[in-house]
């Protein structure tokens, strides 16, 4: 299944490791370091030009990690992911 994460971007639900609220999680130095390292390695994809509200961490079958910065709230993305998987315990 696929998860629409903003604009015209979709990711495979089985590749999603987590969906995070950008405002609440970036207060942590560890999260800021994680995002900075991902950006430095070229693994960050910004979806759209609006104010970022969440980020989605994905790992594909080859082990490549990608961080998607989305303007859609993490609550909305989690709800979409649960609907796609029919699993109430997802994330």
PDB file of N, CA and C in Angstrom:
ATOM      1  N   UNK A   1       0.836  -1.170   0.000  1.00  0.00           N
ATOM      2  CA  UNK A   1       0.000   0.000   0.000  1.00  0.00           C
ATOM      3  C   UNK A   1       0.887   1.241   0.000  1.00  0.00           C
ATOM      4  N   UNK A   2       0.283   2.358  -0.376  1.00  0.00           N
ATOM      5  CA  UNK A   2       1.016   3.606  -0.470  1.00  0.00           C
ATOM      6  C   UNK A   2       0.374   4.662   0.421  1.00  0.00           C
ATOM      7  N   UNK A   3       1.209   5.552   0.921  1.00  0.00           N
ATOM      8  CA  UNK A   3       0.772   6.641   1.784  1.00  0.00           C
ATOM      9  C   UNK A   3       1.078   7.956   1.093  1.00  0.00           C
ATOM     10  N   UNK A   4       0.044   8.781   0.892  1.00  0.00           N
ATOM     11  CA  UNK A   4       0.222  10.108   0.308  1.00  0.00           C
ATOM     12  C   UNK A   4       0.747  11.035   1.395  1.00  0.00           C
ATOM     13  N   UNK A   5       1.938  11.618   1.186  1.00  0.00           N
ATOM     14  CA  UNK A   5       2.556  12.446   2.224  1.00  0.00           C
ATOM     15  C   UNK A   5       2.603  13.930   1.866  1.00  0.00           C
ATOM     16  N   UNK A   6       1.928  14.316   0.788  1.00  0.00           N
ATOM     17  CA  UNK A   6       1.867  15.722   0.412  1.00  0.00           C
ATOM     18  C   UNK A   6       2.188  15.926  -1.051  1.00  0.00           C
ATOM     19  N   UNK A   7       1.632  17.040  -1.584  1.00  0.00           N
ATOM     20  CA  UNK A   7       1.825  17.370  -3.000  1.00  0.00           C
ATOM     21  C   UNK A   7       1.547  16.130  -3.841  1.00  0.00           C
ATOM     22  N   UNK A   8       2.529  15.697  -4.620  1.00  0.00           N
ATOM     23  CA  UNK A   8       2.363  14.495  -5.455  1.00  0.00           C
ATOM     24  C   UNK A   8       3.238  13.345  -4.956  1.00  0.00           C
ATOM     25  N   UNK A   9       3.635  13.401  -3.691  1.00  0.00           N
ATOM     26  CA  UNK A   9       4.551  12.407  -3.142  1.00  0.00           C
ATOM     27  C   UNK A   9       3.813  11.290  -2.414  1.00  0.00           C
ATOM     28  N   UNK A  10       4.213  10.069  -2.683  1.00  0.00           N
ATOM     29  CA  UNK A  10       3.688   8.901  -1.990  1.00  0.00           C
ATOM     30  C   UNK A  10       4.868   8.004  -1.608  1.00  0.00           C
ATOM     31  N   UNK A  11       4.704   7.268  -0.514  1.00  0.00           N
ATOM     32  CA  UNK A  11       5.712   6.298  -0.081  1.00  0.00           C
ATOM     33  C   UNK A  11       5.018   4.979   0.203  1.00  0.00           C
ATOM     34  N   UNK A  12       5.767   3.908   0.139  1.00  0.00           N
ATOM     35  CA  UNK A  12       5.218   2.594   0.470  1.00  0.00           C
ATOM     36  C   UNK A  12       5.067   2.509   1.988  1.00  0.00           C
ATOM     37  N   UNK A  13       3.930   2.044   2.450  1.00  0.00           N
ATOM     38  CA  UNK A  13       3.694   1.963   3.895  1.00  0.00           C
ATOM     39  C   UNK A  13       4.642   0.977   4.570  1.00  0.00           C
ATOM     40  N   UNK A  14       5.082  -0.053   3.846  1.00  0.00           N
ATOM     41  CA  UNK A  14       5.995  -1.015   4.468  1.00  0.00           C
ATOM     42  C   UNK A  14       7.418  -0.480   4.596  1.00  0.00           C
ATOM     43  N   UNK A  15       7.698   0.693   4.038  1.00  0.00           N
ATOM     44  CA  UNK A  15       9.007   1.320   4.161  1.00  0.00           C
ATOM     45  C   UNK A  15       9.035   2.401   5.238  1.00  0.00           C
ATOM     46  N   UNK A  16       7.883   2.755   5.782  1.00  0.00           N
ATOM     47  CA  UNK A  16       7.799   3.825   6.777  1.00  0.00           C
ATOM     48  C   UNK A  16       8.247   3.307   8.139  1.00  0.00           C
ATOM     49  N   UNK A  17       9.266   3.953   8.714  1.00  0.00           N
ATOM     50  CA  UNK A  17       9.720   3.628  10.061  1.00  0.00           C
ATOM     51  C   UNK A  17       8.979   4.454  11.104  1.00  0.00           C
ATOM     52  N   UNK A  18       8.670   5.696  10.750  1.00  0.00           N
ATOM     53  CA  UNK A  18       7.974   6.541  11.707  1.00  0.00           C
ATOM     54  C   UNK A  18       7.513   7.844  11.095  1.00  0.00           C
ATOM     55  N   UNK A  19       6.503   8.412  11.729  1.00  0.00           N
ATOM     56  CA  UNK A  19       5.944   9.701  11.336  1.00  0.00           C
ATOM     57  C   UNK A  19       6.042  10.587  12.573  1.00  0.00           C
ATOM     58  N   UNK A  20       6.674  11.758  12.428  1.00  0.00           N
ATOM     59  CA  UNK A  20       6.984  12.589  13.577  1.00  0.00           C
ATOM     60  C   UNK A  20       6.504  14.025  13.394  1.00  0.00           C
ATOM     61  N   UNK A  21       6.035  14.616  14.474  1.00  0.00           N
ATOM     62  CA  UNK A  21       5.653  16.026  14.488  1.00  0.00           C
ATOM     63  C   UNK A  21       6.940  16.844  14.521  1.00  0.00           C
ATOM     64  N   UNK A  22       7.127  17.700  13.549  1.00  0.00           N
ATOM     65  CA  UNK A  22       8.391  18.417  13.426  1.00  0.00           C
ATOM     66  C   UNK A  22       8.571  19.453  14.530  1.00  0.00           C
ATOM     67  N   UNK A  23       7.481  20.067  14.963  1.00  0.00           N
ATOM     68  CA  UNK A  23       7.576  21.109  15.991  1.00  0.00           C
ATOM     69  C   UNK A  23       7.951  20.515  17.352  1.00  0.00           C
ATOM     70  N   UNK A  24       7.343  19.415  17.719  1.00  0.00           N
ATOM     71  CA  UNK A  24       7.592  18.816  19.026  1.00  0.00           C
ATOM     72  C   UNK A  24       8.908  18.049  19.101  1.00  0.00           C
ATOM     73  N   UNK A  25       9.315  17.425  18.017  1.00  0.00           N
ATOM     74  CA  UNK A  25      10.505  16.579  18.077  1.00  0.00           C
ATOM     75  C   UNK A  25      11.807  17.341  17.862  1.00  0.00           C
ATOM     76  N   UNK A  26      11.764  18.478  17.185  1.00  0.00           N
ATOM     77  CA  UNK A  26      13.004  19.195  16.904  1.00  0.00           C
ATOM     78  C   UNK A  26      13.505  19.995  18.102  1.00  0.00           C
ATOM     79  N   UNK A  27      12.816  19.965  19.219  1.00  0.00           N
ATOM     80  CA  UNK A  27      13.354  20.587  20.435  1.00  0.00           C
ATOM     81  C   UNK A  27      14.470  19.713  21.011  1.00  0.00           C
ATOM     82  N   UNK A  28      14.492  18.447  20.650  1.00  0.00           N
ATOM     83  CA  UNK A  28      15.513  17.520  21.124  1.00  0.00           C
ATOM     84  C   UNK A  28      16.795  17.673  20.295  1.00  0.00           C
ATOM     85  N   UNK A  29      17.932  17.818  20.961  1.00  0.00           N
ATOM     86  CA  UNK A  29      19.198  17.902  20.216  1.00  0.00           C
ATOM     87  C   UNK A  29      19.463  16.650  19.368  1.00  0.00           C
ATOM     88  N   UNK A  30      19.043  15.490  19.857  1.00  0.00           N
ATOM     89  CA  UNK A  30      19.250  14.247  19.105  1.00  0.00           C
ATOM     90  C   UNK A  30      18.487  14.277  17.785  1.00  0.00           C
ATOM     91  N   UNK A  31      17.264  14.783  17.806  1.00  0.00           N
ATOM     92  CA  UNK A  31      16.471  14.864  16.572  1.00  0.00           C
ATOM     93  C   UNK A  31      17.079  15.873  15.615  1.00  0.00           C
ATOM     94  N   UNK A  32      17.508  17.004  16.134  1.00  0.00           N
ATOM     95  CA  UNK A  32      18.151  18.008  15.272  1.00  0.00           C
ATOM     96  C   UNK A  32      19.413  17.447  14.634  1.00  0.00           C
ATOM     97  N   UNK A  33      20.196  16.694  15.403  1.00  0.00           N
ATOM     98  CA  UNK A  33      21.404  16.071  14.856  1.00  0.00           C
ATOM     99  C   UNK A  33      21.051  15.037  13.784  1.00  0.00           C
ATOM    100  N   UNK A  34      20.018  14.243  14.042  1.00  0.00           N
ATOM    101  CA  UNK A  34      19.569  13.243  13.070  1.00  0.00           C
ATOM    102  C   UNK A  34      19.176  13.905  11.754  1.00  0.00           C
ATOM    103  N   UNK A  35      18.363  14.952  11.840  1.00  0.00           N
ATOM    104  CA  UNK A  35      17.911  15.635  10.627  1.00  0.00           C
ATOM    105  C   UNK A  35      19.074  16.326   9.910  1.00  0.00           C
ATOM    106  N   UNK A  36      19.993  16.919  10.663  1.00  0.00           N
ATOM    107  CA  UNK A  36      21.158  17.574  10.057  1.00  0.00           C
ATOM    108  C   UNK A  36      22.033  16.553   9.335  1.00  0.00           C
ATOM    109  N   UNK A  37      22.245  15.389   9.955  1.00  0.00           N
ATOM    110  CA  UNK A  37      23.057  14.340   9.318  1.00  0.00           C
ATOM    111  C   UNK A  37      22.381  13.818   8.054  1.00  0.00           C
ATOM    112  N   UNK A  38      21.073  13.625   8.120  1.00  0.00           N
ATOM    113  CA  UNK A  38      20.341  13.153   6.938  1.00  0.00           C
ATOM    114  C   UNK A  38      20.447  14.165   5.805  1.00  0.00           C
ATOM    115  N   UNK A  39      20.342  15.441   6.141  1.00  0.00           N
ATOM    116  CA  UNK A  39      20.458  16.480   5.117  1.00  0.00           C
ATOM    117  C   UNK A  39      21.873  16.516   4.543  1.00  0.00           C
ATOM    118  N   UNK A  40      22.864  16.388   5.397  1.00  0.00           N
ATOM    119  CA  UNK A  40      24.256  16.408   4.958  1.00  0.00           C
ATOM    120  C   UNK A  40      24.551  15.253   3.993  1.00  0.00           C
ATOM    121  N   UNK A  41      23.913  14.120   4.213  1.00  0.00           N
ATOM    122  CA  UNK A  41      24.110  12.960   3.342  1.00  0.00           C
ATOM    123  C   UNK A  41      23.188  12.975   2.119  1.00  0.00           C
ATOM    124  N   UNK A  42      22.373  14.004   1.983  1.00  0.00           N
ATOM    125  CA  UNK A  42      21.487  14.115   0.834  1.00  0.00           C
ATOM    126  C   UNK A  42      20.267  13.216   0.907  1.00  0.00           C
ATOM    127  N   UNK A  43      19.855  12.856   2.123  1.00  0.00           N
ATOM    128  CA  UNK A  43      18.733  11.940   2.304  1.00  0.00           C
ATOM    129  C   UNK A  43      17.447  12.626   2.723  1.00  0.00           C
ATOM    130  N   UNK A  44      17.355  13.947   2.545  1.00  0.00           N
ATOM    131  CA  UNK A  44      16.156  14.682   2.918  1.00  0.00           C
ATOM    132  C   UNK A  44      15.451  15.169   1.664  1.00  0.00           C
ATOM    133  N   UNK A  45      14.148  14.927   1.613  1.00  0.00           N
ATOM    134  CA  UNK A  45      13.317  15.392   0.506  1.00  0.00           C
ATOM    135  C   UNK A  45      12.238  16.276   1.100  1.00  0.00           C
ATOM    136  N   UNK A  46      12.192  17.526   0.665  1.00  0.00           N
ATOM    137  CA  UNK A  46      11.169  18.452   1.142  1.00  0.00           C
ATOM    138  C   UNK A  46       9.995  18.422   0.178  1.00  0.00           C
ATOM    139  N   UNK A  47       8.820  18.166   0.728  1.00  0.00           N
ATOM    140  CA  UNK A  47       7.599  18.090  -0.072  1.00  0.00           C
ATOM    141  C   UNK A  47       6.878  19.440   0.032  1.00  0.00           C
ATOM    142  N   UNK A  48       6.803  20.168  -1.058  1.00  0.00           N
ATOM    143  CA  UNK A  48       6.075  21.431  -1.086  1.00  0.00           C
ATOM    144  C   UNK A  48       6.849  22.589  -0.481  1.00  0.00           C
ATOM    145  N   UNK A  49       6.237  23.769  -0.566  1.00  0.00           N
ATOM    146  CA  UNK A  49       6.869  24.998  -0.092  1.00  0.00           C
ATOM    147  C   UNK A  49       6.227  25.541   1.180  1.00  0.00           C
ATOM    148  N   UNK A  50       5.155  24.906   1.635  1.00  0.00           N
ATOM    149  CA  UNK A  50       4.462  25.385   2.824  1.00  0.00           C
ATOM    150  C   UNK A  50       5.262  25.066   4.082  1.00  0.00           C
ATOM    151  N   UNK A  51       4.814  25.617   5.190  1.00  0.00           N
ATOM    152  CA  UNK A  51       5.440  25.395   6.486  1.00  0.00           C
ATOM    153  C   UNK A  51       5.473  23.906   6.809  1.00  0.00           C
ATOM    154  N   UNK A  52       6.651  23.346   7.112  1.00  0.00           N
ATOM    155  CA  UNK A  52       6.715  21.917   7.423  1.00  0.00           C
ATOM    156  C   UNK A  52       6.051  21.617   8.759  1.00  0.00           C
ATOM    157  N   UNK A  53       5.278  20.525   8.784  1.00  0.00           N
ATOM    158  CA  UNK A  53       4.564  20.137   9.999  1.00  0.00           C
ATOM    159  C   UNK A  53       4.971  18.768  10.503  1.00  0.00           C
ATOM    160  N   UNK A  54       5.569  17.944   9.643  1.00  0.00           N
ATOM    161  CA  UNK A  54       5.953  16.592  10.046  1.00  0.00           C
ATOM    162  C   UNK A  54       7.123  16.117   9.204  1.00  0.00           C
ATOM    163  N   UNK A  55       7.724  15.030   9.677  1.00  0.00           N
ATOM    164  CA  UNK A  55       8.692  14.340   8.823  1.00  0.00           C
ATOM    165  C   UNK A  55       8.458  12.846   8.927  1.00  0.00           C
ATOM    166  N   UNK A  56       8.707  12.185   7.801  1.00  0.00           N
ATOM    167  CA  UNK A  56       8.475  10.747   7.676  1.00  0.00           C
ATOM    168  C   UNK A  56       9.815  10.089   7.372  1.00  0.00           C
ATOM    169  N   UNK A  57      10.199   9.125   8.190  1.00  0.00           N
ATOM    170  CA  UNK A  57      11.451   8.407   7.987  1.00  0.00           C
ATOM    171  C   UNK A  57      11.128   7.080   7.314  1.00  0.00           C
ATOM    172  N   UNK A  58      11.766   6.842   6.173  1.00  0.00           N
ATOM    173  CA  UNK A  58      11.546   5.616   5.404  1.00  0.00           C
ATOM    174  C   UNK A  58      12.878   4.922   5.132  1.00  0.00           C
ATOM    175  N   UNK A  59      12.832   3.607   5.055  1.00  0.00           N
ATOM    176  CA  UNK A  59      13.990   2.807   4.655  1.00  0.00           C
ATOM    177  C   UNK A  59      13.507   1.832   3.594  1.00  0.00           C
ATOM    178  N   UNK A  60      14.150   1.877   2.409  1.00  0.00           N
ATOM    179  CA  UNK A  60      13.723   0.981   1.335  1.00  0.00           C
ATOM    180  C   UNK A  60      14.361  -0.397   1.491  1.00  0.00           C
ATOM    181  N   UNK A  61      14.046  -1.298   0.572  1.00  0.00           N
ATOM    182  CA  UNK A  61      14.508  -2.689   0.677  1.00  0.00           C
ATOM    183  C   UNK A  61      16.025  -2.813   0.573  1.00  0.00           C
ATOM    184  N   UNK A  62      16.690  -1.774   0.039  1.00  0.00           N
ATOM    185  CA  UNK A  62      18.153  -1.781  -0.060  1.00  0.00           C
ATOM    186  C   UNK A  62      18.815  -1.179   1.178  1.00  0.00           C
ATOM    187  N   UNK A  63      17.993  -0.720   2.126  1.00  0.00           N
ATOM    188  CA  UNK A  63      18.526  -0.125   3.343  1.00  0.00           C
ATOM    189  C   UNK A  63      18.797   1.360   3.245  1.00  0.00           C
ATOM    190  N   UNK A  64      18.392   1.979   2.151  1.00  0.00           N
ATOM    191  CA  UNK A  64      18.586   3.412   1.982  1.00  0.00           C
ATOM    192  C   UNK A  64      17.532   4.169   2.768  1.00  0.00           C
ATOM    193  N   UNK A  65      18.001   5.072   3.608  1.00  0.00           N
ATOM    194  CA  UNK A  65      17.091   5.862   4.436  1.00  0.00           C
ATOM    195  C   UNK A  65      16.784   7.193   3.761  1.00  0.00           C
ATOM    196  N   UNK A  66      15.526   7.586   3.786  1.00  0.00           N
ATOM    197  CA  UNK A  66      15.101   8.874   3.266  1.00  0.00           C
ATOM    198  C   UNK A  66      14.190   9.524   4.290  1.00  0.00           C
ATOM    199  N   UNK A  67      14.392  10.825   4.501  1.00  0.00           N
ATOM    200  CA  UNK A  67      13.546  11.603   5.405  1.00  0.00           C
ATOM    201  C   UNK A  67      12.747  12.574   4.538  1.00  0.00           C
ATOM    202  N   UNK A  68      11.436  12.471   4.618  1.00  0.00           N
ATOM    203  CA  UNK A  68      10.550  13.351   3.864  1.00  0.00           C
ATOM    204  C   UNK A  68       9.998  14.401   4.812  1.00  0.00           C
ATOM    205  N   UNK A  69      10.171  15.670   4.453  1.00  0.00           N
ATOM    206  CA  UNK A  69       9.622  16.779   5.223  1.00  0.00           C
ATOM    207  C   UNK A  69       8.301  17.150   4.564  1.00  0.00           C
ATOM    208  N   UNK A  70       7.211  17.090   5.330  1.00  0.00           N
ATOM    209  CA  UNK A  70       5.869  17.271   4.769  1.00  0.00           C
ATOM    210  C   UNK A  70       5.125  18.426   5.436  1.00  0.00           C
ATOM    211  N   UNK A  71       4.246  19.043   4.693  1.00  0.00           N
ATOM    212  CA  UNK A  71       3.394  20.099   5.225  1.00  0.00           C
ATOM    213  C   UNK A  71       2.111  19.540   5.842  1.00  0.00           C
ATOM    214  N   UNK A  72       1.936  18.236   5.788  1.00  0.00           N
ATOM    215  CA  UNK A  72       0.759  17.581   6.365  1.00  0.00           C
ATOM    216  C   UNK A  72       1.084  17.177   7.800  1.00  0.00           C
ATOM    217  N   UNK A  73       0.136  17.374   8.695  1.00  0.00           N
ATOM    218  CA  UNK A  73       0.372  17.061  10.101  1.00  0.00           C
ATOM    219  C   UNK A  73       0.606  15.572  10.311  1.00  0.00           C
ATOM    220  N   UNK A  74       1.351  15.247  11.365  1.00  0.00           N
ATOM    221  CA  UNK A  74       1.622  13.837  11.639  1.00  0.00           C
ATOM    222  C   UNK A  74       0.338  13.109  12.011  1.00  0.00           C
ATOM    223  N   UNK A  75      -0.615  13.790  12.653  1.00  0.00           N
ATOM    224  CA  UNK A  75      -1.886  13.148  12.999  1.00  0.00           C
ATOM    225  C   UNK A  75      -2.626  12.705  11.738  1.00  0.00           C
ATOM    226  N   UNK A  76      -2.645  13.554  10.729  1.00  0.00           N
ATOM    227  CA  UNK A  76      -3.308  13.214   9.470  1.00  0.00           C
ATOM    228  C   UNK A  76      -2.580  12.082   8.760  1.00  0.00           C
ATOM    229  N   UNK A  77      -1.263  12.135   8.733  1.00  0.00           N
ATOM    230  CA  UNK A  77      -0.496  11.072   8.077  1.00  0.00           C
ATOM    231  C   UNK A  77      -0.669   9.736   8.795  1.00  0.00           C
ATOM    232  N   UNK A  78      -0.666   9.756  10.120  1.00  0.00           N
ATOM    233  CA  UNK A  78      -0.874   8.515  10.867  1.00  0.00           C
ATOM    234  C   UNK A  78      -2.260   7.948  10.618  1.00  0.00           C
ATOM    235  N   UNK A  79      -3.252   8.829  10.555  1.00  0.00           N
ATOM    236  CA  UNK A  79      -4.617   8.378  10.292  1.00  0.00           C
ATOM    237  C   UNK A  79      -4.704   7.735   8.910  1.00  0.00           C
ATOM    238  N   UNK A  80      -4.075   8.358   7.929  1.00  0.00           N
ATOM    239  CA  UNK A  80      -4.066   7.790   6.573  1.00  0.00           C
ATOM    240  C   UNK A  80      -3.371   6.433   6.566  1.00  0.00           C
ATOM    241  N   UNK A  81      -2.246   6.335   7.278  1.00  0.00           N
ATOM    242  CA  UNK A  81      -1.501   5.075   7.312  1.00  0.00           C
ATOM    243  C   UNK A  81      -2.329   3.975   7.962  1.00  0.00           C
ATOM    244  N   UNK A  82      -3.042   4.292   9.024  1.00  0.00           N
ATOM    245  CA  UNK A  82      -3.890   3.290   9.687  1.00  0.00           C
ATOM    246  C   UNK A  82      -5.012   2.837   8.770  1.00  0.00           C
ATOM    247  N   UNK A  83      -5.601   3.776   8.043  1.00  0.00           N
ATOM    248  CA  UNK A  83      -6.675   3.423   7.118  1.00  0.00           C
ATOM    249  C   UNK A  83      -6.161   2.522   6.002  1.00  0.00           C
ATOM    250  N   UNK A  84      -4.943   2.791   5.542  1.00  0.00           N
ATOM    251  CA  UNK A  84      -4.372   2.001   4.447  1.00  0.00           C
ATOM    252  C   UNK A  84      -4.049   0.581   4.906  1.00  0.00           C
ATOM    253  N   UNK A  85      -3.615   0.440   6.164  1.00  0.00           N
ATOM    254  CA  UNK A  85      -3.175  -0.872   6.637  1.00  0.00           C
ATOM    255  C   UNK A  85      -4.274  -1.648   7.362  1.00  0.00           C
ATOM    256  N   UNK A  86      -5.361  -0.966   7.685  1.00  0.00           N
ATOM    257  CA  UNK A  86      -6.437  -1.566   8.480  1.00  0.00           C
ATOM    258  C   UNK A  86      -5.935  -2.069   9.838  1.00  0.00           C
ATOM    259  N   UNK A  87      -4.872  -1.434  10.353  1.00  0.00           N
ATOM    260  CA  UNK A  87      -4.307  -1.815  11.631  1.00  0.00           C
ATOM    261  C   UNK A  87      -4.384  -0.647  12.596  1.00  0.00           C
ATOM    262  N   UNK A  88      -5.161  -0.755  13.678  1.00  0.00           N
ATOM    263  CA  UNK A  88      -5.276   0.346  14.632  1.00  0.00           C
ATOM    264  C   UNK A  88      -4.005   0.562  15.445  1.00  0.00           C
ATOM    265  N   UNK A  89      -3.081  -0.393  15.445  1.00  0.00           N
ATOM    266  CA  UNK A  89      -1.872  -0.275  16.263  1.00  0.00           C
ATOM    267  C   UNK A  89      -0.663   0.215  15.504  1.00  0.00           C
ATOM    268  N   UNK A  90      -0.839   0.640  14.270  1.00  0.00           N
ATOM    269  CA  UNK A  90       0.279   1.116  13.466  1.00  0.00           C
ATOM    270  C   UNK A  90       0.736   2.469  13.968  1.00  0.00           C
ATOM    271  N   UNK A  91       1.959   2.592  14.344  1.00  0.00           N
ATOM    272  CA  UNK A  91       2.593   3.795  14.848  1.00  0.00           C
ATOM    273  C   UNK A  91       1.817   4.381  15.990  1.00  0.00           C
TER     274      UNK A  91
END
